[in-house]
Amino acid sequence: MKRTMIIIMILITFFTVSCSNAIPKSNQESKKQLLNIEESNDRGLINAYMEAIKMLIGEDQALNHGTSFYAVEIDTFKGISKEDVIKIQGLIESMGKDFRDASMEELKNNGEFDEETMALKRSILIRVDEIRRYTDSSFVFTASKFRAGLGAIGMSFEFIKNENGWEFLKTAGFWIS
């Protein structure tokens, strides 16, 4: 009886330790697929970014009212080229707005931020806040549009890759201030 209990305890301990240290195959595969977006030569990323920019500009259009230009903090858009920046500029200009590559700090330094109202005077600022996942088949990031402390929106964008490039899948985590 004692012997049986000891064997059962050893087996339970063995299976508990084995299962707790095992990485599920799907996690192993996704870890292998994680890519460095900084080193990416994926020219299709710009299409995902441009789709997100269009969606942000289209959402809560009251934030766009009275703007003469749209600022885009290009340094936050990882994995794009100088040619891609020209595409973003063309997108913004096709909406009838001037384009500026600027951060909030640069806008403040250029007198485009009203400290009293805590708002941008003539612009909105679009930026990528975080790259959450970038694999060979999935791209998830959060981005935002800022006009004022109480006039900003953001959301998470998810794209999947198919034979035609990056395809929009969904947004999530929408927030508004």
C-alpha atoms as a PDB file:
ATOM      1  CA  MET A   1       0.000   0.000   0.000  1.00  0.00           C
ATOM      2  CA  LYS A   2       2.801   2.379   0.951  1.00  0.00           C
ATOM      3  CA  ARG A   3       4.651   1.458  -2.169  1.00  0.00           C
ATOM      4  CA  THR A   4       1.594   2.193  -4.357  1.00  0.00           C
ATOM      5  CA  MET A   5       1.099   5.594  -2.703  1.00  0.00           C
ATOM      6  CA  ILE A   6       4.750   6.506  -3.260  1.00  0.00           C
ATOM      7  CA  ILE A   7       4.539   5.526  -6.935  1.00  0.00           C
ATOM      8  CA  ILE A   8       1.329   7.538  -7.343  1.00  0.00           C
ATOM      9  CA  MET A   9       2.942  10.595  -5.670  1.00  0.00           C
ATOM     10  CA  ILE A  10       6.007  10.310  -7.907  1.00  0.00           C
ATOM     11  CA  LEU A  11       3.829  10.067 -11.026  1.00  0.00           C
ATOM     12  CA  ILE A  12       1.704  13.061  -9.972  1.00  0.00           C
ATOM     13  CA  THR A  13       4.838  15.102  -9.271  1.00  0.00           C
ATOM     14  CA  PHE A  14       6.402  14.049 -12.567  1.00  0.00           C
ATOM     15  CA  PHE A  15       3.324  14.986 -14.632  1.00  0.00           C
ATOM     16  CA  THR A  16       2.790  18.261 -12.768  1.00  0.00           C
ATOM     17  CA  VAL A  17       6.375  19.391 -13.316  1.00  0.00           C
ATOM     18  CA  SER A  18       6.411  18.214 -16.928  1.00  0.00           C
ATOM     19  CA  CYS A  19       3.187  19.989 -17.833  1.00  0.00           C
ATOM     20  CA  SER A  20       4.057  23.233 -16.094  1.00  0.00           C
ATOM     21  CA  ASN A  21       7.377  23.550 -17.947  1.00  0.00           C
ATOM     22  CA  ALA A  22       6.052  22.597 -21.370  1.00  0.00           C
ATOM     23  CA  ILE A  23       5.473  25.384 -23.875  1.00  0.00           C
ATOM     24  CA  PRO A  24       2.470  24.659 -26.046  1.00  0.00           C
ATOM     25  CA  LYS A  25       3.407  24.055 -29.652  1.00  0.00           C
ATOM     26  CA  SER A  26       1.403  27.072 -30.847  1.00  0.00           C
ATOM     27  CA  ASN A  27       3.420  29.367 -28.532  1.00  0.00           C
ATOM     28  CA  GLN A  28       6.666  27.829 -29.752  1.00  0.00           C
ATOM     29  CA  GLU A  29       5.629  28.451 -33.341  1.00  0.00           C
ATOM     30  CA  SER A  30       4.551  32.034 -32.687  1.00  0.00           C
ATOM     31  CA  LYS A  31       7.821  32.776 -30.876  1.00  0.00           C
ATOM     32  CA  LYS A  32       9.705  31.523 -33.926  1.00  0.00           C
ATOM     33  CA  GLN A  33       7.596  33.723 -36.183  1.00  0.00           C
ATOM     34  CA  LEU A  34       8.105  36.968 -34.215  1.00  0.00           C
ATOM     35  CA  LEU A  35      10.067  39.278 -36.462  1.00  0.00           C
ATOM     36  CA  ASN A  36      12.054  42.416 -35.863  1.00  0.00           C
ATOM     37  CA  ILE A  37      10.029  45.125 -37.560  1.00  0.00           C
ATOM     38  CA  GLU A  38      13.075  47.429 -37.587  1.00  0.00           C
ATOM     39  CA  GLU A  39      14.864  44.968 -39.863  1.00  0.00           C
ATOM     40  CA  SER A  40      11.845  44.237 -42.002  1.00  0.00           C
ATOM     41  CA  ASN A  41      11.953  44.651 -45.741  1.00  0.00           C
ATOM     42  CA  ASP A  42       8.200  44.057 -45.950  1.00  0.00           C
ATOM     43  CA  ARG A  43       7.125  46.792 -48.363  1.00  0.00           C
ATOM     44  CA  GLY A  44       3.480  45.989 -47.690  1.00  0.00           C
ATOM     45  CA  LEU A  45       3.494  47.395 -44.144  1.00  0.00           C
ATOM     46  CA  ILE A  46       2.786  50.868 -45.501  1.00  0.00           C
ATOM     47  CA  ASN A  47      -0.616  49.677 -46.728  1.00  0.00           C
ATOM     48  CA  ALA A  48      -1.577  48.584 -43.199  1.00  0.00           C
ATOM     49  CA  TYR A  49      -0.383  51.892 -41.761  1.00  0.00           C
ATOM     50  CA  MET A  50      -2.249  53.906 -44.388  1.00  0.00           C
ATOM     51  CA  GLU A  51      -5.464  51.990 -43.696  1.00  0.00           C
ATOM     52  CA  ALA A  52      -5.068  52.785 -39.980  1.00  0.00           C
ATOM     53  CA  ILE A  53      -4.453  56.487 -40.755  1.00  0.00           C
ATOM     54  CA  LYS A  54      -7.625  56.630 -42.874  1.00  0.00           C
ATOM     55  CA  MET A  55      -9.624  54.986 -40.118  1.00  0.00           C
ATOM     56  CA  LEU A  56      -8.279  57.323 -37.429  1.00  0.00           C
ATOM     57  CA  ILE A  57      -8.989  60.416 -39.525  1.00  0.00           C
ATOM     58  CA  GLY A  58     -12.482  59.143 -40.291  1.00  0.00           C
ATOM     59  CA  GLU A  59     -13.268  58.408 -36.661  1.00  0.00           C
ATOM     60  CA  ASP A  60     -14.553  61.312 -34.515  1.00  0.00           C
ATOM     61  CA  GLN A  61     -14.284  63.836 -37.331  1.00  0.00           C
ATOM     62  CA  ALA A  62     -15.056  66.711 -34.971  1.00  0.00           C
ATOM     63  CA  LEU A  63     -11.399  66.495 -33.913  1.00  0.00           C
ATOM     64  CA  ASN A  64     -10.404  67.345 -37.501  1.00  0.00           C
ATOM     65  CA  HIS A  65     -12.521  70.534 -37.612  1.00  0.00           C
ATOM     66  CA  GLY A  66     -10.557  73.730 -38.151  1.00  0.00           C
ATOM     67  CA  THR A  67      -7.280  72.020 -38.995  1.00  0.00           C
ATOM     68  CA  SER A  68      -5.015  73.226 -41.766  1.00  0.00           C
ATOM     69  CA  PHE A  69      -2.591  70.303 -41.633  1.00  0.00           C
ATOM     70  CA  TYR A  70      -2.245  66.787 -40.293  1.00  0.00           C
ATOM     71  CA  ALA A  71       0.923  65.989 -38.390  1.00  0.00           C
ATOM     72  CA  VAL A  72       2.139  62.398 -38.495  1.00  0.00           C
ATOM     73  CA  GLU A  73       4.918  61.297 -36.157  1.00  0.00           C
ATOM     74  CA  ILE A  74       6.746  59.204 -38.756  1.00  0.00           C
ATOM     75  CA  ASP A  75       9.427  57.991 -36.315  1.00  0.00           C
ATOM     76  CA  THR A  76       6.740  55.880 -34.618  1.00  0.00           C
ATOM     77  CA  PHE A  77       5.907  54.041 -37.863  1.00  0.00           C
ATOM     78  CA  LYS A  78       8.429  51.198 -37.816  1.00  0.00           C
ATOM     79  CA  GLY A  79       9.573  49.299 -40.889  1.00  0.00           C
ATOM     80  CA  ILE A  80       8.805  51.957 -43.534  1.00  0.00           C
ATOM     81  CA  SER A  81      11.015  53.649 -46.103  1.00  0.00           C
ATOM     82  CA  LYS A  82      11.365  57.225 -47.352  1.00  0.00           C
ATOM     83  CA  GLU A  83       9.193  56.255 -50.310  1.00  0.00           C
ATOM     84  CA  ASP A  84       6.518  55.114 -47.861  1.00  0.00           C
ATOM     85  CA  VAL A  85       6.588  58.508 -46.151  1.00  0.00           C
ATOM     86  CA  ILE A  86       5.854  60.084 -49.535  1.00  0.00           C
ATOM     87  CA  LYS A  87       2.837  57.755 -49.825  1.00  0.00           C
ATOM     88  CA  ILE A  88       1.570  58.915 -46.421  1.00  0.00           C
ATOM     89  CA  GLN A  89       2.080  62.513 -47.508  1.00  0.00           C
ATOM     90  CA  GLY A  90       0.092  61.839 -50.690  1.00  0.00           C
ATOM     91  CA  LEU A  91      -2.719  60.259 -48.675  1.00  0.00           C
ATOM     92  CA  ILE A  92      -2.954  63.279 -46.359  1.00  0.00           C
ATOM     93  CA  GLU A  93      -2.803  65.748 -49.242  1.00  0.00           C
ATOM     94  CA  SER A  94      -5.533  63.820 -51.098  1.00  0.00           C
ATOM     95  CA  MET A  95      -7.753  64.663 -48.110  1.00  0.00           C
ATOM     96  CA  GLY A  96      -7.158  68.357 -48.715  1.00  0.00           C
ATOM     97  CA  LYS A  97      -4.727  68.868 -45.815  1.00  0.00           C
ATOM     98  CA  ASP A  98      -1.066  69.761 -45.680  1.00  0.00           C
ATOM     99  CA  PHE A  99       1.255  67.086 -44.270  1.00  0.00           C
ATOM    100  CA  ARG A 100       3.919  67.508 -41.610  1.00  0.00           C
ATOM    101  CA  ASP A 101       6.230  64.926 -40.134  1.00  0.00           C
ATOM    102  CA  ALA A 102       6.303  66.116 -36.518  1.00  0.00           C
ATOM    103  CA  SER A 103       6.174  64.917 -32.936  1.00  0.00           C
ATOM    104  CA  MET A 104       4.215  66.613 -30.167  1.00  0.00           C
ATOM    105  CA  GLU A 105       7.425  68.171 -28.911  1.00  0.00           C
ATOM    106  CA  GLU A 106       8.184  69.632 -32.344  1.00  0.00           C
ATOM    107  CA  LEU A 107       4.648  70.982 -32.634  1.00  0.00           C
ATOM    108  CA  LYS A 108       5.001  72.626 -29.200  1.00  0.00           C
ATOM    109  CA  ASN A 109       8.382  74.122 -30.169  1.00  0.00           C
ATOM    110  CA  ASN A 110       6.820  75.553 -33.345  1.00  0.00           C
ATOM    111  CA  GLY A 111       4.013  77.259 -31.423  1.00  0.00           C
ATOM    112  CA  GLU A 112       1.332  74.840 -32.643  1.00  0.00           C
ATOM    113  CA  PHE A 113       0.218  73.836 -29.131  1.00  0.00           C
ATOM    114  CA  ASP A 114      -1.886  76.094 -26.898  1.00  0.00           C
ATOM    115  CA  GLU A 115      -0.742  75.507 -23.302  1.00  0.00           C
ATOM    116  CA  GLU A 116      -3.856  77.199 -21.915  1.00  0.00           C
ATOM    117  CA  THR A 117      -6.376  74.991 -23.720  1.00  0.00           C
ATOM    118  CA  MET A 118      -3.995  71.996 -23.920  1.00  0.00           C
ATOM    119  CA  ALA A 119      -4.849  71.649 -27.605  1.00  0.00           C
ATOM    120  CA  LEU A 120      -3.175  71.718 -30.982  1.00  0.00           C
ATOM    121  CA  LYS A 121      -4.096  74.962 -32.706  1.00  0.00           C
ATOM    122  CA  ARG A 122      -4.325  73.955 -36.374  1.00  0.00           C
ATOM    123  CA  SER A 123      -3.635  70.256 -36.513  1.00  0.00           C
ATOM    124  CA  ILE A 124      -4.214  66.737 -35.339  1.00  0.00           C
ATOM    125  CA  LEU A 125      -1.302  64.448 -34.514  1.00  0.00           C
ATOM    126  CA  ILE A 126      -1.342  60.824 -35.634  1.00  0.00           C
ATOM    127  CA  ARG A 127       1.140  58.360 -34.212  1.00  0.00           C
ATOM    128  CA  VAL A 128       1.731  54.663 -33.637  1.00  0.00           C
ATOM    129  CA  ASP A 129       1.780  54.144 -29.896  1.00  0.00           C
ATOM    130  CA  GLU A 130       2.885  50.526 -29.746  1.00  0.00           C
ATOM    131  CA  ILE A 131       3.700  47.597 -32.020  1.00  0.00           C
ATOM    132  CA  ARG A 132       2.084  44.703 -30.166  1.00  0.00           C
ATOM    133  CA  ARG A 133       2.851  41.867 -32.560  1.00  0.00           C
ATOM    134  CA  TYR A 134       4.621  41.510 -35.871  1.00  0.00           C
ATOM    135  CA  THR A 135       4.988  38.056 -37.383  1.00  0.00           C
ATOM    136  CA  ASP A 136       5.097  36.775 -40.933  1.00  0.00           C
ATOM    137  CA  SER A 137       1.282  36.465 -40.864  1.00  0.00           C
ATOM    138  CA  SER A 138      -0.002  38.938 -38.243  1.00  0.00           C
ATOM    139  CA  PHE A 139       0.548  42.634 -37.524  1.00  0.00           C
ATOM    140  CA  VAL A 140      -1.055  44.279 -34.468  1.00  0.00           C
ATOM    141  CA  PHE A 141      -0.406  47.833 -33.309  1.00  0.00           C
ATOM    142  CA  THR A 142      -2.093  50.664 -31.459  1.00  0.00           C
ATOM    143  CA  ALA A 143      -2.302  54.144 -32.912  1.00  0.00           C
ATOM    144  CA  SER A 144      -3.892  57.415 -31.879  1.00  0.00           C
ATOM    145  CA  LYS A 145      -5.157  60.778 -33.090  1.00  0.00           C
ATOM    146  CA  PHE A 146      -4.636  63.748 -30.766  1.00  0.00           C
ATOM    147  CA  ARG A 147      -6.194  67.194 -30.933  1.00  0.00           C
ATOM    148  CA  ALA A 148      -6.460  68.090 -27.242  1.00  0.00           C
ATOM    149  CA  GLY A 149      -6.191  66.589 -23.792  1.00  0.00           C
ATOM    150  CA  LEU A 150      -9.938  66.004 -23.916  1.00  0.00           C
ATOM    151  CA  GLY A 151      -9.969  65.439 -27.642  1.00  0.00           C
ATOM    152  CA  ALA A 152      -8.089  62.298 -28.573  1.00  0.00           C
ATOM    153  CA  ILE A 153      -8.877  58.778 -29.742  1.00  0.00           C
ATOM    154  CA  GLY A 154      -6.952  55.588 -30.210  1.00  0.00           C
ATOM    155  CA  MET A 155      -7.406  51.923 -30.960  1.00  0.00           C
ATOM    156  CA  SER A 156      -5.641  48.703 -31.719  1.00  0.00           C
ATOM    157  CA  PHE A 157      -5.472  47.553 -35.351  1.00  0.00           C
ATOM    158  CA  GLU A 158      -5.038  43.968 -36.445  1.00  0.00           C
ATOM    159  CA  PHE A 159      -3.973  42.894 -39.925  1.00  0.00           C
ATOM    160  CA  ILE A 160      -3.359  39.434 -41.342  1.00  0.00           C
ATOM    161  CA  LYS A 161      -1.157  38.627 -44.295  1.00  0.00           C
ATOM    162  CA  ASN A 162      -2.490  36.778 -47.291  1.00  0.00           C
ATOM    163  CA  GLU A 163      -1.391  36.402 -50.913  1.00  0.00           C
ATOM    164  CA  ASN A 164      -2.485  39.996 -51.625  1.00  0.00           C
ATOM    165  CA  GLY A 165      -0.529  41.541 -48.734  1.00  0.00           C
ATOM    166  CA  TRP A 166      -1.727  42.882 -45.393  1.00  0.00           C
ATOM    167  CA  GLU A 167      -5.498  42.708 -45.006  1.00  0.00           C
ATOM    168  CA  PHE A 168      -7.379  44.592 -42.291  1.00  0.00           C
ATOM    169  CA  LEU A 169      -8.958  42.174 -39.807  1.00  0.00           C
ATOM    170  CA  LYS A 170     -10.358  44.254 -36.929  1.00  0.00           C
ATOM    171  CA  THR A 171      -9.987  47.080 -34.469  1.00  0.00           C
ATOM    172  CA  ALA A 172     -10.206  46.674 -30.738  1.00  0.00           C
ATOM    173  CA  GLY A 173      -9.644  48.600 -27.542  1.00  0.00           C
ATOM    174  CA  PHE A 174     -11.150  51.854 -28.811  1.00  0.00           C
ATOM    175  CA  TRP A 175     -10.597  54.684 -26.349  1.00  0.00           C
ATOM    176  CA  ILE A 176     -11.602  58.338 -26.321  1.00  0.00           C
ATOM    177  CA  SER A 177     -10.684  61.241 -24.078  1.00  0.00           C
END
